[in-house]
């Protein structure tokens, strides 16, 4: 009887090895959310740690790989990946193709420019770089398309490079990777221009519409990680302030 109970406990605690691994996409390079650790050659970052923690919480094996941000939803729709942990926000257009969990973090967005070049804080008339297929790009096109040239780029690193090179006047970037970049040697010549902009209610995990049960399990997992303190530990590893 004791052996039977022990086996039952172990089976309940173990990951669902009978199910195929969940295929998880992160957007890299996008430090500090997802990037390759030069010393190990492995993907790491806030989104990677969160994906691993969520998989442990729901007792599922997961395979995490880097997918360009603008390819995550098409890859989910095509059935090539199951979910994306890449700071994606809920929009009516995206909800036509995929479903979303509740938020797992929240941030503001900032304009970055070369230090000393934008002291008046005026955004109008400037060339602004932004990562394509994001809600940041949507916001710029709706708000500044008449007064500014919007330059869409593949990833955030291209935005940083364009600002440094002077090929654009400003970059419009998620505040968390922006402040992380400003603390590096490469970011020392840049500064925040104007006030932060709040665009949404938070970033979510995105899934194929057929995975509603998994979505519900991930919502519970997000709450459990916060209740246990594991979310806060991951938060402190990458950011000096709360991101929830």
Protein backbone atom coordinates (compact mmCIF):
# COMPACT_ATOMS: atom_id res chain seq x y z
CA UNK A 1 0.00 0.00 0.00
CA UNK A 2 2.82 2.39 0.90
CA UNK A 3 4.60 1.58 -2.37
CA UNK A 4 1.41 2.31 -4.31
CA UNK A 5 1.02 5.69 -2.59
CA UNK A 6 4.67 6.57 -3.22
CA UNK A 7 4.33 5.76 -6.92
CA UNK A 8 1.16 7.84 -7.15
CA UNK A 9 2.90 10.83 -5.54
CA UNK A 10 5.88 10.55 -7.87
CA UNK A 11 3.67 10.33 -10.94
CA UNK A 12 1.72 13.42 -9.90
CA UNK A 13 4.91 15.38 -9.25
CA UNK A 14 6.72 14.37 -12.43
CA UNK A 15 6.60 16.27 -15.72
CA UNK A 16 4.21 14.98 -18.35
CA UNK A 17 6.82 12.87 -20.14
CA UNK A 18 4.10 11.08 -22.12
CA UNK A 19 3.26 14.36 -23.87
CA UNK A 20 5.51 15.81 -26.56
CA UNK A 21 7.70 18.73 -25.39
CA UNK A 22 6.17 22.16 -25.76
CA UNK A 23 7.93 24.20 -28.42
CA UNK A 24 8.57 27.66 -26.98
CA UNK A 25 9.77 30.73 -28.88
CA UNK A 26 11.65 33.68 -27.39
CA UNK A 27 12.74 36.80 -29.27
CA UNK A 28 16.54 36.97 -29.39
CA UNK A 29 18.74 38.91 -29.43
CA UNK A 30 16.69 41.09 -27.09
CA UNK A 31 18.73 41.56 -23.90
CA UNK A 32 18.01 41.28 -21.05
CA UNK A 33 14.93 39.27 -22.06
CA UNK A 34 16.59 36.75 -24.36
CA UNK A 35 20.18 36.59 -25.59
CA UNK A 36 23.06 34.15 -25.98
CA UNK A 37 25.41 33.94 -23.00
CA UNK A 38 28.89 34.36 -24.49
CA UNK A 39 30.50 32.17 -21.81
CA UNK A 40 28.16 29.19 -22.28
CA UNK A 41 26.68 29.67 -25.75
CA UNK A 42 23.21 29.10 -24.28
CA UNK A 43 20.06 31.17 -24.48
CA UNK A 44 19.44 33.09 -21.28
CA UNK A 45 17.49 36.12 -20.04
CA UNK A 46 14.27 37.04 -18.27
CA UNK A 47 11.96 35.47 -20.87
CA UNK A 48 14.05 32.29 -21.01
CA UNK A 49 14.00 31.93 -17.22
CA UNK A 50 10.27 32.63 -17.15
CA UNK A 51 9.60 30.05 -19.87
CA UNK A 52 11.59 27.43 -17.96
CA UNK A 53 9.84 28.29 -14.68
CA UNK A 54 6.38 28.12 -16.28
CA UNK A 55 7.19 24.75 -17.83
CA UNK A 56 8.31 23.38 -14.45
CA UNK A 57 5.17 24.77 -12.84
CA UNK A 58 2.84 23.01 -15.29
CA UNK A 59 5.07 19.89 -15.29
CA UNK A 60 5.78 19.92 -19.00
CA UNK A 61 9.00 19.46 -20.90
CA UNK A 62 9.82 22.41 -23.13
CA UNK A 63 12.21 23.12 -25.98
CA UNK A 64 13.08 26.82 -26.16
CA UNK A 65 14.48 28.43 -29.28
CA UNK A 66 15.06 31.91 -30.65
CA UNK A 67 12.55 33.14 -33.23
CA UNK A 68 12.48 36.70 -34.66
CA UNK A 69 9.62 38.61 -33.05
CA UNK A 70 7.72 39.20 -36.29
CA UNK A 71 7.82 35.47 -37.08
CA UNK A 72 6.45 34.17 -33.76
CA UNK A 73 2.73 34.46 -34.55
CA UNK A 74 3.12 33.06 -38.11
CA UNK A 75 5.10 30.13 -36.67
CA UNK A 76 2.38 29.48 -34.08
CA UNK A 77 -0.35 29.65 -36.72
CA UNK A 78 1.63 27.25 -38.93
CA UNK A 79 1.89 24.79 -36.04
CA UNK A 80 5.69 24.98 -35.85
CA UNK A 81 5.74 26.28 -32.27
CA UNK A 82 3.19 26.06 -29.46
CA UNK A 83 3.72 29.29 -27.57
CA UNK A 84 5.78 32.45 -27.46
CA UNK A 85 7.26 33.98 -24.33
CA UNK A 86 8.42 37.21 -25.91
CA UNK A 87 6.76 40.19 -24.26
CA UNK A 88 3.86 40.27 -26.68
CA UNK A 89 0.84 42.43 -25.88
CA UNK A 90 -2.78 41.65 -26.63
CA UNK A 91 -4.26 43.46 -29.64
CA UNK A 92 -7.51 42.89 -31.58
CA UNK A 93 -5.52 42.13 -34.74
CA UNK A 94 -3.38 39.49 -33.04
CA UNK A 95 -6.40 37.93 -31.36
CA UNK A 96 -7.69 36.97 -34.80
CA UNK A 97 -4.86 34.40 -34.98
CA UNK A 98 -3.70 33.53 -31.44
CA UNK A 99 -4.77 33.58 -27.79
CA UNK A 100 -3.09 35.22 -24.80
CA UNK A 101 -2.47 34.49 -21.14
CA UNK A 102 -2.78 37.17 -18.48
CA UNK A 103 0.24 39.48 -18.24
CA UNK A 104 3.53 38.20 -16.86
CA UNK A 105 5.28 41.60 -16.86
CA UNK A 106 4.67 45.23 -17.69
CA UNK A 107 6.88 48.08 -18.85
CA UNK A 108 6.83 51.56 -20.35
CA UNK A 109 8.43 52.66 -23.62
CA UNK A 110 11.03 55.39 -24.14
CA UNK A 111 12.62 57.45 -26.88
CA UNK A 112 16.42 57.17 -27.02
CA UNK A 113 18.79 59.57 -28.76
CA UNK A 114 22.43 60.63 -28.76
CA UNK A 115 23.38 62.45 -25.57
CA UNK A 116 23.06 66.23 -25.86
CA UNK A 117 21.36 66.17 -29.27
CA UNK A 118 17.73 66.42 -28.13
CA UNK A 119 17.79 68.71 -25.12
CA UNK A 120 14.47 70.32 -25.96
CA UNK A 121 12.76 66.90 -25.81
CA UNK A 122 10.80 67.68 -28.97
CA UNK A 123 9.97 64.51 -30.94
CA UNK A 124 8.29 66.14 -33.94
CA UNK A 125 10.11 66.10 -37.26
CA UNK A 126 12.63 63.46 -36.18
CA UNK A 127 13.49 60.18 -37.90
CA UNK A 128 12.49 57.44 -35.46
CA UNK A 129 13.64 53.81 -35.57
CA UNK A 130 11.46 51.07 -34.09
CA UNK A 131 11.27 47.28 -34.12
CA UNK A 132 8.83 46.08 -36.78
CA UNK A 133 5.60 44.16 -36.11
CA UNK A 134 5.33 45.52 -32.56
CA UNK A 135 2.76 47.63 -30.77
CA UNK A 136 5.50 50.28 -30.56
CA UNK A 137 5.54 50.50 -34.35
CA UNK A 138 1.71 50.70 -34.42
CA UNK A 139 1.77 53.55 -31.89
CA UNK A 140 4.36 55.55 -33.84
CA UNK A 141 2.49 55.17 -37.11
CA UNK A 142 -0.77 56.30 -35.52
CA UNK A 143 0.75 59.16 -33.52
CA UNK A 144 3.71 60.48 -35.52
CA UNK A 145 3.31 59.35 -39.14
CA UNK A 146 2.28 62.86 -40.28
CA UNK A 147 5.19 64.66 -38.62
CA UNK A 148 7.98 62.07 -38.53
CA UNK A 149 9.66 59.44 -40.69
CA UNK A 150 9.20 56.02 -39.08
CA UNK A 151 12.02 53.57 -39.83
CA UNK A 152 11.05 49.96 -39.09
CA UNK A 153 13.85 47.53 -38.23
CA UNK A 154 14.12 43.77 -37.68
CA UNK A 155 15.19 43.83 -34.03
CA UNK A 156 16.11 46.13 -31.16
CA UNK A 157 19.85 45.77 -31.73
CA UNK A 158 19.44 47.30 -35.19
CA UNK A 159 17.60 50.20 -33.56
CA UNK A 160 20.46 50.80 -31.10
CA UNK A 161 23.04 50.64 -33.91
CA UNK A 162 21.07 53.14 -36.04
CA UNK A 163 20.88 55.65 -33.18
CA UNK A 164 24.60 55.34 -32.45
CA UNK A 165 25.48 55.71 -36.14
CA UNK A 166 23.27 58.78 -36.51
CA UNK A 167 21.25 57.28 -39.38
CA UNK A 168 18.12 58.06 -37.31
CA UNK A 169 17.51 60.78 -34.74
CA UNK A 170 15.71 58.63 -32.19
CA UNK A 171 14.78 55.08 -31.35
CA UNK A 172 11.50 54.07 -29.72
CA UNK A 173 12.28 51.14 -27.44
CA UNK A 174 10.79 49.08 -24.62
CA UNK A 175 12.03 50.75 -21.43
CA UNK A 176 13.51 47.63 -19.82
CA UNK A 177 15.95 46.70 -22.59
CA UNK A 178 16.59 50.42 -23.13
CA UNK A 179 17.73 51.01 -19.54
CA UNK A 180 19.71 47.77 -19.61
CA UNK A 181 21.50 48.99 -22.76
CA UNK A 182 22.18 52.41 -21.24
CA UNK A 183 24.12 50.71 -18.43
CA UNK A 184 26.53 49.10 -20.93
CA UNK A 185 29.62 50.65 -22.50
CA UNK A 186 27.91 50.60 -25.91
CA UNK A 187 24.98 52.60 -24.55
CA UNK A 188 27.05 55.24 -22.78
CA UNK A 189 26.55 57.80 -25.54
CA UNK A 190 22.75 57.64 -25.48
CA UNK A 191 20.06 59.13 -23.27
CA UNK A 192 16.30 59.04 -22.76
CA UNK A 193 14.48 61.82 -24.60
CA UNK A 194 11.20 63.14 -23.20
CA UNK A 195 8.88 61.20 -20.92
CA UNK A 196 8.20 57.44 -20.89
CA UNK A 197 5.09 56.30 -22.77
CA UNK A 198 2.67 53.65 -21.44
CA UNK A 199 1.18 51.73 -24.35
CA UNK A 200 -0.62 48.71 -22.90
CA UNK A 201 -1.74 46.75 -19.83
CA UNK A 202 1.11 44.25 -19.91
CA UNK A 203 2.91 41.57 -21.89
CA UNK A 204 1.54 38.05 -22.19
CA UNK A 205 2.43 34.55 -23.30
CA UNK A 206 0.90 33.88 -26.73
CA UNK A 207 -0.45 30.49 -27.86
CA UNK A 208 -2.18 28.65 -30.67
CA UNK A 209 -6.01 28.99 -30.34
CA UNK A 210 -6.35 25.21 -29.89
CA UNK A 211 -4.41 25.37 -26.61
CA UNK A 212 -7.01 26.98 -24.35
CA UNK A 213 -6.47 24.43 -21.57
CA UNK A 214 -2.75 25.12 -21.68
CA UNK A 215 -3.48 28.85 -21.56
CA UNK A 216 -5.53 28.34 -18.40
CA UNK A 217 -2.74 26.27 -16.83
CA UNK A 218 -0.20 28.99 -17.64
CA UNK A 219 -2.41 31.64 -16.04
CA UNK A 220 -2.45 29.61 -12.84
CA UNK A 221 1.31 29.06 -13.14
CA UNK A 222 1.98 32.81 -13.38
CA UNK A 223 0.01 33.38 -10.17
CA UNK A 224 1.78 30.47 -8.46
CA UNK A 225 5.22 31.79 -9.40
CA UNK A 226 4.33 35.17 -7.90
CA UNK A 227 2.89 33.60 -4.75
CA UNK A 228 5.97 31.42 -4.22
CA UNK A 229 8.43 34.29 -4.74
CA UNK A 230 10.09 32.61 -7.74
CA UNK A 231 8.86 35.34 -10.10
CA UNK A 232 10.37 38.01 -7.85
CA UNK A 233 13.70 36.14 -7.80
CA UNK A 234 13.79 36.05 -11.61
CA UNK A 235 12.78 39.73 -11.67
CA UNK A 236 15.66 40.73 -9.36
CA UNK A 237 18.15 38.76 -11.46
CA UNK A 238 17.61 41.07 -14.43
CA UNK A 239 15.97 44.30 -13.23
CA UNK A 240 16.45 46.66 -10.27
CA UNK A 241 12.69 47.40 -10.08
CA UNK A 242 9.50 45.33 -10.14
CA UNK A 243 8.30 44.62 -13.68
CA UNK A 244 4.86 43.26 -12.79
